[in-house]
C-alpha atoms as a PDB file:
ATOM      1  CA  UNK A   1      11.419  -3.528 -21.004  1.00  0.00           C
ATOM      2  CA  UNK A   2      10.263  -6.647 -19.164  1.00  0.00           C
ATOM      3  CA  UNK A   3      13.487  -6.737 -17.166  1.00  0.00           C
ATOM      4  CA  UNK A   4      12.924  -3.142 -16.069  1.00  0.00           C
ATOM      5  CA  UNK A   5       9.382  -3.955 -14.878  1.00  0.00           C
ATOM      6  CA  UNK A   6      10.603  -7.038 -12.990  1.00  0.00           C
ATOM      7  CA  UNK A   7      13.378  -4.975 -11.381  1.00  0.00           C
ATOM      8  CA  UNK A   8      10.813  -2.336 -10.355  1.00  0.00           C
ATOM      9  CA  UNK A   9       8.551  -4.999  -8.814  1.00  0.00           C
ATOM     10  CA  UNK A  10      11.472  -6.540  -6.911  1.00  0.00           C
ATOM     11  CA  UNK A  11      12.464  -3.067  -5.729  1.00  0.00           C
ATOM     12  CA  UNK A  12       8.916  -2.416  -4.483  1.00  0.00           C
ATOM     13  CA  UNK A  13       8.912  -5.752  -2.616  1.00  0.00           C
ATOM     14  CA  UNK A  14      12.219  -4.853  -0.986  1.00  0.00           C
ATOM     15  CA  UNK A  15      11.225  -1.288  -0.143  1.00  0.00           C
ATOM     16  CA  UNK A  16       7.791  -2.173   1.216  1.00  0.00           C
ATOM     17  CA  UNK A  17       8.124  -5.581   2.832  1.00  0.00           C
ATOM     18  CA  UNK A  18      11.827  -5.957   3.624  1.00  0.00           C
ATOM     19  CA  UNK A  19      12.724  -2.459   4.756  1.00  0.00           C
ATOM     20  CA  UNK A  20      12.579  -3.141   8.487  1.00  0.00           C
ATOM     21  CA  UNK A  21      10.002  -0.389   8.996  1.00  0.00           C
ATOM     22  CA  UNK A  22       7.414  -2.383  10.930  1.00  0.00           C
ATOM     23  CA  UNK A  23       4.712   0.249  10.607  1.00  0.00           C
ATOM     24  CA  UNK A  24       4.932   0.273   6.812  1.00  0.00           C
ATOM     25  CA  UNK A  25       5.004  -3.529   6.757  1.00  0.00           C
ATOM     26  CA  UNK A  26       1.913  -3.679   8.988  1.00  0.00           C
ATOM     27  CA  UNK A  27       0.041  -1.201   6.778  1.00  0.00           C
ATOM     28  CA  UNK A  28       0.916  -3.197   3.650  1.00  0.00           C
ATOM     29  CA  UNK A  29       0.008  -6.554   5.199  1.00  0.00           C
ATOM     30  CA  UNK A  30      -3.299  -5.241   6.546  1.00  0.00           C
ATOM     31  CA  UNK A  31      -4.219  -3.760   3.162  1.00  0.00           C
ATOM     32  CA  UNK A  32      -3.465  -7.066   1.414  1.00  0.00           C
ATOM     33  CA  UNK A  33      -5.404  -9.067   4.020  1.00  0.00           C
ATOM     34  CA  UNK A  34      -8.419  -6.762   3.689  1.00  0.00           C
ATOM     35  CA  UNK A  35      -8.414  -7.304  -0.072  1.00  0.00           C
ATOM     36  CA  UNK A  36      -8.083 -11.085   0.323  1.00  0.00           C
ATOM     37  CA  UNK A  37     -10.947 -11.259   2.816  1.00  0.00           C
ATOM     38  CA  UNK A  38     -13.249  -9.149   0.642  1.00  0.00           C
ATOM     39  CA  UNK A  39     -12.393 -11.017  -2.566  1.00  0.00           C
ATOM     40  CA  UNK A  40     -15.016 -13.612  -3.514  1.00  0.00           C
ATOM     41  CA  UNK A  41     -13.837 -14.817  -6.944  1.00  0.00           C
ATOM     42  CA  UNK A  42     -10.508 -14.916  -8.697  1.00  0.00           C
ATOM     43  CA  UNK A  43     -11.820 -12.617 -11.410  1.00  0.00           C
ATOM     44  CA  UNK A  44     -11.936  -9.745  -8.915  1.00  0.00           C
ATOM     45  CA  UNK A  45      -8.146  -9.592  -8.669  1.00  0.00           C
ATOM     46  CA  UNK A  46      -7.855  -6.229 -10.452  1.00  0.00           C
ATOM     47  CA  UNK A  47     -10.435  -4.409  -8.378  1.00  0.00           C
ATOM     48  CA  UNK A  48      -9.186  -5.956  -5.132  1.00  0.00           C
ATOM     49  CA  UNK A  49      -5.635  -4.915  -5.971  1.00  0.00           C
ATOM     50  CA  UNK A  50      -6.864  -1.382  -6.499  1.00  0.00           C
ATOM     51  CA  UNK A  51      -8.710  -1.579  -3.167  1.00  0.00           C
ATOM     52  CA  UNK A  52      -5.530  -2.778  -1.442  1.00  0.00           C
ATOM     53  CA  UNK A  53      -3.542   0.084  -2.952  1.00  0.00           C
ATOM     54  CA  UNK A  54      -6.134   2.631  -1.808  1.00  0.00           C
ATOM     55  CA  UNK A  55      -6.121   1.160   1.719  1.00  0.00           C
ATOM     56  CA  UNK A  56      -2.296   1.178   1.625  1.00  0.00           C
ATOM     57  CA  UNK A  57      -2.235   4.839   0.546  1.00  0.00           C
ATOM     58  CA  UNK A  58      -4.731   5.801   3.259  1.00  0.00           C
ATOM     59  CA  UNK A  59      -2.739   3.866   5.852  1.00  0.00           C
ATOM     60  CA  UNK A  60       0.477   5.583   4.782  1.00  0.00           C
ATOM     61  CA  UNK A  61      -1.285   8.945   5.056  1.00  0.00           C
ATOM     62  CA  UNK A  62      -2.409   8.119   8.600  1.00  0.00           C
ATOM     63  CA  UNK A  63       1.062   6.822   9.423  1.00  0.00           C
ATOM     64  CA  UNK A  64       2.582  10.097   8.294  1.00  0.00           C
ATOM     65  CA  UNK A  65       0.020  12.076  10.266  1.00  0.00           C
ATOM     66  CA  UNK A  66       0.453  10.216  13.540  1.00  0.00           C
ATOM     67  CA  UNK A  67       4.230   9.835  13.297  1.00  0.00           C
ATOM     68  CA  UNK A  68       4.715  13.606  13.246  1.00  0.00           C
ATOM     69  CA  UNK A  69       5.745  15.180  16.513  1.00  0.00           C
ATOM     70  CA  UNK A  70       2.943  16.992  18.340  1.00  0.00           C
ATOM     71  CA  UNK A  71       2.672  20.726  17.771  1.00  0.00           C
ATOM     72  CA  UNK A  72       4.448  23.051  20.177  1.00  0.00           C
ATOM     73  CA  UNK A  73       1.264  24.440  21.717  1.00  0.00           C
ATOM     74  CA  UNK A  74      -0.308  21.036  22.078  1.00  0.00           C
ATOM     75  CA  UNK A  75      -3.337  22.110  20.027  1.00  0.00           C
ATOM     76  CA  UNK A  76      -3.932  20.326  16.743  1.00  0.00           C
ATOM     77  CA  UNK A  77      -5.477  22.486  14.058  1.00  0.00           C
ATOM     78  CA  UNK A  78      -6.458  21.905  10.462  1.00  0.00           C
ATOM     79  CA  UNK A  79      -3.110  23.044   9.098  1.00  0.00           C
ATOM     80  CA  UNK A  80      -1.453  19.823  10.194  1.00  0.00           C
ATOM     81  CA  UNK A  81      -4.080  17.656   8.464  1.00  0.00           C
ATOM     82  CA  UNK A  82      -3.955  19.725   5.286  1.00  0.00           C
ATOM     83  CA  UNK A  83      -0.155  19.806   5.313  1.00  0.00           C
ATOM     84  CA  UNK A  84       0.074  16.027   5.593  1.00  0.00           C
ATOM     85  CA  UNK A  85      -2.541  15.585   2.868  1.00  0.00           C
ATOM     86  CA  UNK A  86      -0.668  17.960   0.586  1.00  0.00           C
ATOM     87  CA  UNK A  87       2.688  16.243   1.135  1.00  0.00           C
ATOM     88  CA  UNK A  88       1.106  12.817   0.551  1.00  0.00           C
ATOM     89  CA  UNK A  89      -0.504  14.050  -2.658  1.00  0.00           C
ATOM     90  CA  UNK A  90       2.802  15.503  -3.859  1.00  0.00           C
ATOM     91  CA  UNK A  91       4.545  12.179  -3.192  1.00  0.00           C
ATOM     92  CA  UNK A  92       1.847  10.325  -5.114  1.00  0.00           C
ATOM     93  CA  UNK A  93       1.916  12.731  -8.045  1.00  0.00           C
ATOM     94  CA  UNK A  94       5.713  12.457  -8.301  1.00  0.00           C
ATOM     95  CA  UNK A  95       5.554   8.668  -8.804  1.00  0.00           C
ATOM     96  CA  UNK A  96       6.331   7.482 -12.301  1.00  0.00           C
ATOM     97  CA  UNK A  97       3.963   5.202 -14.198  1.00  0.00           C
ATOM     98  CA  UNK A  98       6.434   2.322 -13.964  1.00  0.00           C
ATOM     99  CA  UNK A  99       6.525   2.613 -10.190  1.00  0.00           C
ATOM    100  CA  UNK A 100       2.724   2.621  -9.980  1.00  0.00           C
ATOM    101  CA  UNK A 101       2.627  -0.438 -12.222  1.00  0.00           C
ATOM    102  CA  UNK A 102       5.221  -2.139 -10.011  1.00  0.00           C
ATOM    103  CA  UNK A 103       3.132  -1.450  -6.889  1.00  0.00           C
ATOM    104  CA  UNK A 104       0.067  -2.836  -8.679  1.00  0.00           C
ATOM    105  CA  UNK A 105       1.875  -5.993  -9.775  1.00  0.00           C
ATOM    106  CA  UNK A 106       3.513  -6.548  -6.367  1.00  0.00           C
ATOM    107  CA  UNK A 107       0.237  -6.232  -4.499  1.00  0.00           C
ATOM    108  CA  UNK A 108      -1.537  -8.349  -7.129  1.00  0.00           C
ATOM    109  CA  UNK A 109       0.959 -11.181  -6.684  1.00  0.00           C
ATOM    110  CA  UNK A 110       0.550 -11.135  -2.895  1.00  0.00           C
ATOM    111  CA  UNK A 111      -3.238 -11.004  -3.092  1.00  0.00           C
ATOM    112  CA  UNK A 112      -3.336 -13.819  -5.629  1.00  0.00           C
ATOM    113  CA  UNK A 113      -1.033 -16.004  -3.517  1.00  0.00           C
ATOM    114  CA  UNK A 114      -3.004 -15.444  -0.323  1.00  0.00           C
ATOM    115  CA  UNK A 115      -6.342 -15.848  -2.088  1.00  0.00           C
ATOM    116  CA  UNK A 116      -5.138 -19.137  -3.563  1.00  0.00           C
ATOM    117  CA  UNK A 117      -4.201 -20.364  -0.086  1.00  0.00           C
ATOM    118  CA  UNK A 118      -7.582 -19.216   1.210  1.00  0.00           C
ATOM    119  CA  UNK A 119      -9.384 -21.059  -1.589  1.00  0.00           C
ATOM    120  CA  UNK A 120      -7.378 -24.231  -1.038  1.00  0.00           C
ATOM    121  CA  UNK A 121      -7.923 -24.358   2.720  1.00  0.00           C
ATOM    122  CA  UNK A 122     -11.588 -23.317   2.499  1.00  0.00           C
ATOM    123  CA  UNK A 123     -12.504 -26.596   0.806  1.00  0.00           C
END
């Protein structure tokens, strides 16, 4: 059980931070940095991890929206926004609980490491 969780976390690290997709890496790094900058105490690690995951999800939604090719007529209507939102929601709802836990743990480890560095150098 523990080995499966560790393998999931390592897989999330590889897929998110070592994939070579610079846009996804930038979205993930920005979401972690936002959480670290907002975090005031170490006891806020859970809520800041959740904040980072929400910012990451929103950034991935925007990435998917802006990476689409422009419509043929050149006019953007609401169908494109709703379509992207629906596909993002379907991707989120198809995630298994273990994968969500792995994302939470991976982001928590990064936030904790960066917050520790921030606390050390702030003194």
